[in-house]
Amino acid sequence: MSTATKLLPRLIRQTFLAAEQSEGAGARVRRSIGTPKLRHFSPLPHARPLRRARMDHEDFAGNKGRLGPGDLQFMTAGRGIVHAEMPVERKDGRPNVGLQLWVDLPERLKACEPRYRDLKAEEVPVVEVDGGRVRVKVISGQSHGVDSVKDLAYTPVWLLDVEVKPGGSIVQPLPEGWNAFAYTLEGEVLIGEKGNQRTVGQYHNVVFEGEGQAVYAAVDEGAEKSARFVIVAGTPLDQKVVQYGPFVLTKQEDVYKAFMDYQTHSNGFERAEGWESEIGKRMVLSTCGPSAINSVGKTMPKLDENLRTSAAALPLPRGSISSKGLTHLPRSK
């Protein structure tokens, strides 16, 4: 693929395999960002696409619904929310597959009101490039003149779902100075300019340097199948992160206060007292609060830690996120 003006490529800082591990309740996950390998990777904003899955969700404010294949949910935990979620068992017995990304909120927004934004598969704009050999779902951000749905999250973030057929290539511009990484879902992708490419296999995280204007990606002409990967980019917040479970704030005293607010059902957690979720009876519960954007849960804080805890365990609300970043859920039994 050619561009009118050559864009400076984003170089690879590091790549590593997101190893599969148990996450409780029968789930198996692949955690990439937020691991020791990326302990100093500044938090990004969040979203959760479901690839081959159906997910029931519910919270203490009475919100409930079901997400299907290709659907997404952006959830901002803000000052606090208690949420439950559970994959719907598939009739054919195959695993549910989805992605979760937790993101930090700017300090000034950590006490904002919680909110949801469901995005149905048919609402996601799609653009094809390189003669149809590359297909991009513009979940959040922009790709080749196509913009995503607006106002999905408080913190600017780009999330692009890219499929490249054998012989296809793409040059995807990104905002300069933003943190960025790619996560491979299927196949093998060549990252970098021709002549300086690196082959990246399935379930690998590719972290890019901050300098550069675009990600260059391609699939070899002789490849047996297409490659699919997501590109994620967000503006660095450059703020202190103090975390306790799903509570993610910028000051230790604020974390203590959030913990007390949860225990005393105050300052955002009033509705948590006595609340029981029907979904929660089938799963583990968790919480999230000030400063978070949670893809699909509060009971599974989706931001920084994606922590799951039983209802009887320590309460975990208010948070922002980055600790366990992008999580690939290969199967839930």
Protein backbone atom coordinates (compact mmCIF):
# COMPACT_ATOMS: atom_id res chain seq x y z
CA MET A 1 0.00 0.00 0.00
CA SER A 2 1.29 3.46 -0.78
CA THR A 3 0.65 6.77 0.88
CA ALA A 4 0.83 10.20 -0.72
CA THR A 5 3.22 11.35 1.97
CA LYS A 6 5.38 8.76 3.68
CA LEU A 7 4.61 8.58 7.37
CA LEU A 8 7.33 7.92 9.93
CA PRO A 9 6.77 4.37 11.24
CA ARG A 10 6.24 3.56 14.89
CA LEU A 11 9.14 1.31 15.88
CA ILE A 12 8.64 -1.72 18.09
CA ARG A 13 9.77 -1.28 21.67
CA GLN A 14 9.05 -4.86 22.71
CA THR A 15 6.92 -7.90 21.94
CA PHE A 16 5.86 -10.73 24.21
CA LEU A 17 3.39 -13.58 24.44
CA ALA A 18 0.29 -13.07 26.57
CA ALA A 19 0.36 -16.40 28.39
CA GLU A 20 -2.92 -18.17 29.12
CA GLN A 21 -3.91 -18.47 32.76
CA SER A 22 -6.88 -19.24 34.99
CA GLU A 23 -9.03 -16.31 36.09
CA GLY A 24 -11.58 -18.06 38.29
CA ALA A 25 -15.18 -19.12 37.62
CA GLY A 26 -13.88 -21.42 34.87
CA ALA A 27 -12.49 -18.59 32.76
CA ARG A 28 -9.15 -18.70 30.97
CA VAL A 29 -7.51 -15.40 30.07
CA ARG A 30 -4.47 -13.98 28.32
CA ARG A 31 -3.36 -10.82 30.07
CA SER A 32 -1.03 -8.53 28.18
CA ILE A 33 -0.77 -4.94 29.46
CA GLY A 34 -0.62 -4.42 33.19
CA THR A 35 1.74 -7.36 33.62
CA PRO A 36 5.27 -7.05 35.02
CA LYS A 37 6.52 -6.80 31.43
CA LEU A 38 4.64 -3.52 31.08
CA ARG A 39 4.61 -2.30 34.66
CA HIS A 40 5.55 1.21 33.59
CA PHE A 41 3.29 1.44 30.56
CA SER A 42 1.08 4.45 31.22
CA PRO A 43 -2.62 3.58 31.48
CA LEU A 44 -4.86 3.98 28.48
CA PRO A 45 -8.57 4.49 28.17
CA HIS A 46 -10.85 1.42 27.74
CA ALA A 47 -13.51 -0.70 25.93
CA ARG A 48 -14.61 -4.30 25.59
CA PRO A 49 -15.45 -5.98 22.30
CA LEU A 50 -17.04 -9.42 22.27
CA ARG A 51 -15.76 -11.55 19.42
CA ARG A 52 -17.67 -14.82 19.75
CA ALA A 53 -19.68 -14.40 22.89
CA ARG A 54 -22.86 -13.34 24.60
CA MET A 55 -22.63 -11.59 27.94
CA ASP A 56 -25.32 -10.70 30.47
CA HIS A 57 -24.64 -7.65 32.62
CA GLU A 58 -26.42 -5.89 35.46
CA ASP A 59 -25.63 -3.23 38.08
CA PHE A 60 -26.97 -1.81 41.33
CA ALA A 61 -28.67 1.07 39.48
CA GLY A 62 -31.01 -1.32 37.70
CA ASN A 63 -29.21 -1.28 34.36
CA LYS A 64 -29.15 -4.66 32.65
CA GLY A 65 -28.81 -6.17 29.22
CA ARG A 66 -27.12 -8.67 26.97
CA LEU A 67 -24.19 -8.10 24.63
CA GLY A 68 -23.81 -10.27 21.54
CA PRO A 69 -21.00 -11.13 19.10
CA GLY A 70 -19.32 -7.96 17.85
CA ASP A 71 -21.02 -5.76 20.46
CA LEU A 72 -19.10 -3.55 22.87
CA GLN A 73 -19.73 -1.86 26.17
CA PHE A 74 -17.93 1.19 27.45
CA MET A 75 -18.41 1.57 31.19
CA THR A 76 -17.16 4.43 33.31
CA ALA A 77 -17.04 3.46 36.97
CA GLY A 78 -16.44 7.04 38.08
CA ARG A 79 -17.33 7.66 41.72
CA GLY A 80 -18.49 4.10 42.13
CA ILE A 81 -20.61 1.31 40.72
CA VAL A 82 -21.26 -2.32 41.59
CA HIS A 83 -21.72 -4.53 38.57
CA ALA A 84 -22.16 -8.19 37.69
CA GLU A 85 -21.55 -9.94 34.39
CA MET A 86 -21.57 -13.50 33.14
CA PRO A 87 -20.98 -15.17 29.77
CA VAL A 88 -24.03 -16.92 28.32
CA GLU A 89 -23.38 -20.60 27.75
CA ARG A 90 -23.30 -21.49 24.07
CA LYS A 91 -25.51 -24.33 22.85
CA ASP A 92 -22.68 -25.84 20.84
CA GLY A 93 -20.43 -25.88 23.90
CA ARG A 94 -17.80 -23.70 22.25
CA PRO A 95 -16.00 -21.10 24.38
CA ASN A 96 -17.01 -17.46 24.64
CA VAL A 97 -14.26 -15.17 23.36
CA GLY A 98 -13.86 -11.47 24.04
CA LEU A 99 -11.46 -8.68 24.90
CA GLN A 100 -11.34 -6.40 27.92
CA LEU A 101 -9.38 -3.21 28.26
CA TRP A 102 -9.20 -1.14 31.42
CA VAL A 103 -8.26 2.49 31.32
CA ASP A 104 -7.38 5.25 33.71
CA LEU A 105 -9.41 8.44 33.99
CA PRO A 106 -7.82 11.88 34.42
CA GLU A 107 -7.67 12.88 38.07
CA ARG A 108 -10.27 15.60 37.58
CA LEU A 109 -12.81 13.03 36.33
CA LYS A 110 -12.32 10.28 38.87
CA ALA A 111 -15.42 11.33 40.83
CA CYS A 112 -17.68 11.65 37.77
CA GLU A 113 -21.06 9.93 37.61
CA PRO A 114 -20.92 6.31 36.42
CA ARG A 115 -22.22 5.72 32.92
CA TYR A 116 -22.65 3.06 30.24
CA ARG A 117 -22.46 3.18 26.49
CA ASP A 118 -23.38 0.00 24.63
CA LEU A 119 -22.25 -0.15 21.03
CA LYS A 120 -23.94 -2.73 18.83
CA ALA A 121 -21.96 -4.49 16.12
CA GLU A 122 -23.98 -2.82 13.37
CA GLU A 123 -23.11 0.63 14.75
CA VAL A 124 -19.37 0.13 14.30
CA PRO A 125 -18.11 1.78 11.07
CA VAL A 126 -16.01 -0.39 8.76
CA VAL A 127 -13.47 0.71 6.15
CA GLU A 128 -11.70 -1.43 3.56
CA VAL A 129 -8.29 -0.52 2.16
CA ASP A 130 -5.67 -2.05 -0.12
CA GLY A 131 -8.24 -3.22 -2.64
CA GLY A 132 -10.35 -4.95 -0.03
CA ARG A 133 -7.50 -7.01 1.39
CA VAL A 134 -7.64 -5.07 4.65
CA ARG A 135 -10.78 -4.51 6.71
CA VAL A 136 -10.82 -2.18 9.72
CA LYS A 137 -13.61 -1.93 12.29
CA VAL A 138 -13.31 1.59 13.65
CA ILE A 139 -14.49 0.96 17.20
CA SER A 140 -12.99 4.17 18.54
CA GLY A 141 -10.85 6.70 16.69
CA GLN A 142 -10.25 7.09 12.98
CA SER A 143 -8.99 5.02 10.08
CA HIS A 144 -8.56 6.14 6.46
CA GLY A 145 -11.15 8.88 6.60
CA VAL A 146 -13.72 6.93 8.62
CA ASP A 147 -14.55 8.13 12.15
CA SER A 148 -15.99 6.09 15.00
CA VAL A 149 -19.12 6.86 16.96
CA LYS A 150 -18.41 9.90 19.17
CA ASP A 151 -18.40 10.37 22.95
CA LEU A 152 -17.69 6.76 23.87
CA ALA A 153 -15.24 7.56 26.67
CA TYR A 154 -14.03 10.54 28.68
CA THR A 155 -10.39 9.84 27.94
CA PRO A 156 -9.30 9.91 24.28
CA VAL A 157 -8.57 6.38 23.07
CA TRP A 158 -8.38 4.63 19.73
CA LEU A 159 -9.39 1.00 19.32
CA LEU A 160 -9.20 -0.51 15.84
CA ASP A 161 -10.03 -4.13 14.92
CA VAL A 162 -7.95 -4.97 11.84
CA GLU A 163 -8.14 -8.00 9.54
CA VAL A 164 -5.50 -8.40 6.81
CA LYS A 165 -5.75 -11.05 4.09
CA PRO A 166 -2.64 -12.70 2.59
CA GLY A 167 -0.79 -10.14 0.48
CA GLY A 168 -2.55 -7.21 2.13
CA SER A 169 -0.95 -4.30 3.97
CA ILE A 170 -1.97 -1.20 5.87
CA VAL A 171 -0.39 2.00 7.10
CA GLN A 172 -2.46 3.14 10.07
CA PRO A 173 -1.75 6.71 11.26
CA LEU A 174 -1.87 7.34 15.02
CA PRO A 175 -1.85 10.56 17.04
CA GLU A 176 1.75 11.53 17.72
CA GLY A 177 2.96 11.11 21.28
CA TRP A 178 0.21 8.68 22.26
CA ASN A 179 0.96 5.33 23.86
CA ALA A 180 0.16 2.50 21.46
CA PHE A 181 0.25 -1.26 21.18
CA ALA A 182 -1.13 -4.02 18.96
CA TYR A 183 -2.46 -7.38 20.12
CA THR A 184 -2.64 -10.30 17.70
CA LEU A 185 -5.82 -12.36 17.77
CA GLU A 186 -5.36 -14.66 14.78
CA GLY A 187 -2.64 -15.57 12.31
CA GLU A 188 0.77 -13.97 11.84
CA VAL A 189 1.30 -10.31 11.01
CA LEU A 190 4.39 -8.50 9.76
CA ILE A 191 4.92 -5.29 11.72
CA GLY A 192 7.12 -2.53 10.34
CA GLU A 193 8.17 -1.12 6.99
CA LYS A 194 9.05 -3.51 4.21
CA GLY A 195 12.67 -4.51 4.64
CA ASN A 196 12.49 -3.91 8.38
CA GLN A 197 9.58 -6.12 9.39
CA ARG A 198 9.14 -8.38 12.37
CA THR A 199 6.84 -11.43 12.30
CA VAL A 200 4.44 -11.46 15.23
CA GLY A 201 2.45 -14.58 16.07
CA GLN A 202 -0.96 -15.11 17.65
CA TYR A 203 -1.61 -13.81 21.19
CA HIS A 204 1.39 -11.49 21.22
CA ASN A 205 1.48 -7.90 22.41
CA VAL A 206 3.49 -5.42 20.35
CA VAL A 207 4.37 -2.24 22.23
CA PHE A 208 5.37 0.71 20.06
CA GLU A 209 7.77 3.55 20.73
CA GLY A 210 6.18 6.96 21.33
CA GLU A 211 7.87 8.53 18.32
CA GLY A 212 6.50 8.00 14.85
CA GLN A 213 3.28 8.66 12.98
CA ALA A 214 1.88 5.31 11.87
CA VAL A 215 1.81 1.55 12.37
CA TYR A 216 2.86 -0.46 9.31
CA ALA A 217 1.38 -3.97 9.11
CA ALA A 218 1.10 -6.67 6.43
CA VAL A 219 0.49 -10.37 5.85
CA ASP A 220 2.78 -12.39 3.63
CA GLU A 221 1.44 -13.22 0.18
CA GLY A 222 2.02 -16.92 0.81
CA ALA A 223 0.32 -17.02 4.22
CA GLU A 224 -2.29 -19.75 4.67
CA LYS A 225 -4.78 -17.47 6.38
CA SER A 226 -5.56 -13.89 7.28
CA ALA A 227 -4.26 -12.15 10.39
CA ARG A 228 -6.43 -10.28 12.84
CA PHE A 229 -5.22 -7.86 15.47
CA VAL A 230 -6.32 -4.82 17.44
CA ILE A 231 -4.46 -1.53 17.56
CA VAL A 232 -4.95 0.45 20.77
CA ALA A 233 -3.69 3.97 21.40
CA GLY A 234 -4.35 6.54 24.09
CA THR A 235 -3.08 9.84 25.37
CA PRO A 236 -0.59 9.46 28.26
CA LEU A 237 -2.03 10.85 31.49
CA ASP A 238 1.31 11.18 33.27
CA GLN A 239 -0.30 11.07 36.69
CA LYS A 240 0.46 9.07 39.79
CA VAL A 241 -1.37 5.75 40.16
CA VAL A 242 -2.21 4.43 43.62
CA GLN A 243 -4.09 1.14 43.52
CA TYR A 244 -5.83 -1.09 46.01
CA GLY A 245 -7.77 -3.81 44.23
CA PRO A 246 -10.13 -2.02 41.83
CA PHE A 247 -9.67 1.30 43.61
CA VAL A 248 -7.32 3.28 41.40
CA LEU A 249 -6.66 6.89 42.35
CA THR A 250 -3.77 9.32 42.52
CA LYS A 251 -3.41 9.70 46.30
CA GLN A 252 -3.18 7.06 49.01
CA GLU A 253 -5.64 8.93 51.22
CA ASP A 254 -8.20 8.89 48.39
CA VAL A 255 -7.88 5.12 48.13
CA TYR A 256 -8.55 4.78 51.87
CA LYS A 257 -11.58 7.03 51.52
CA ALA A 258 -12.92 5.04 48.58
CA PHE A 259 -12.55 1.85 50.58
CA MET A 260 -14.46 3.39 53.50
CA ASP A 261 -17.16 4.76 51.19
CA TYR A 262 -17.75 1.27 49.87
CA GLN A 263 -17.91 -0.27 53.33
CA THR A 264 -20.26 2.43 54.64
CA HIS A 265 -22.38 2.61 51.46
CA SER A 266 -21.78 6.32 50.99
CA ASN A 267 -20.52 8.83 48.42
CA GLY A 268 -21.61 6.84 45.38
CA PHE A 269 -22.11 3.39 46.92
CA GLU A 270 -25.45 4.00 48.64
CA ARG A 271 -27.24 1.58 46.31
CA ALA A 272 -24.77 -1.19 47.05
CA GLU A 273 -26.33 -1.86 50.45
CA GLY A 274 -28.47 -4.96 50.23
CA TRP A 275 -28.15 -5.21 46.44
CA GLU A 276 -28.05 -8.72 45.01
CA SER A 277 -27.66 -9.47 41.35
CA GLU A 278 -29.37 -12.35 39.63
CA ILE A 279 -26.30 -12.63 37.47
CA GLY A 280 -24.16 -12.44 40.58
CA LYS A 281 -25.70 -15.67 41.79
CA ARG A 282 -24.03 -17.39 38.83
CA MET A 283 -20.70 -15.66 39.14
CA VAL A 284 -18.22 -13.76 41.23
CA LEU A 285 -18.89 -10.14 42.09
CA SER A 286 -16.61 -7.20 42.07
CA THR A 287 -16.62 -3.42 42.14
CA CYS A 288 -15.17 -0.37 40.53
CA GLY A 289 -15.21 3.31 41.23
CA PRO A 290 -13.83 6.78 40.90
CA SER A 291 -11.60 6.92 38.03
CA ALA A 292 -12.39 4.10 35.89
CA ILE A 293 -13.80 3.18 32.66
CA ASN A 294 -14.98 -0.32 32.77
CA SER A 295 -15.75 -2.28 29.72
CA VAL A 296 -18.22 -4.67 31.04
CA GLY A 297 -18.32 -4.57 34.67
CA LYS A 298 -18.11 -3.32 38.05
CA THR A 299 -18.26 -6.50 39.64
CA MET A 300 -15.37 -7.30 37.63
CA PRO A 301 -13.67 -4.00 37.66
CA LYS A 302 -12.63 -3.41 34.26
CA LEU A 303 -9.96 -1.06 34.34
CA ASP A 304 -6.86 -1.26 36.05
CA GLU A 305 -7.16 -4.59 37.53
CA ASN A 306 -9.89 -6.61 36.11
CA LEU A 307 -9.99 -8.14 39.53
CA ARG A 308 -12.60 -10.71 40.33
CA THR A 309 -13.53 -11.37 43.90
CA SER A 310 -16.29 -13.26 45.62
CA ALA A 311 -19.04 -11.28 47.29
CA ALA A 312 -17.68 -12.37 50.63
CA ALA A 313 -14.19 -11.17 49.89
CA LEU A 314 -12.77 -7.72 50.46
CA PRO A 315 -14.85 -5.03 48.80
CA LEU A 316 -13.19 -3.53 45.79
CA PRO A 317 -14.70 -0.40 44.23
CA ARG A 318 -13.57 2.86 42.76
CA GLY A 319 -10.91 2.62 40.23
CA SER A 320 -9.38 3.82 37.12
CA ILE A 321 -7.10 1.27 35.59
CA SER A 322 -4.19 0.00 33.93
CA SER A 323 -2.96 -2.78 35.95
CA LYS A 324 -4.24 -5.65 33.99
CA GLY A 325 -5.03 -3.90 30.81
CA LEU A 326 -5.99 -5.92 27.80
CA THR A 327 -7.35 -9.31 28.66
CA HIS A 328 -8.18 -11.94 26.07
CA LEU A 329 -10.85 -14.35 27.29
CA PRO A 330 -10.34 -17.50 25.27
CA ARG A 331 -12.83 -19.65 27.06
CA SER A 332 -15.30 -19.75 29.91
CA LYS A 333 -16.72 -23.11 30.88
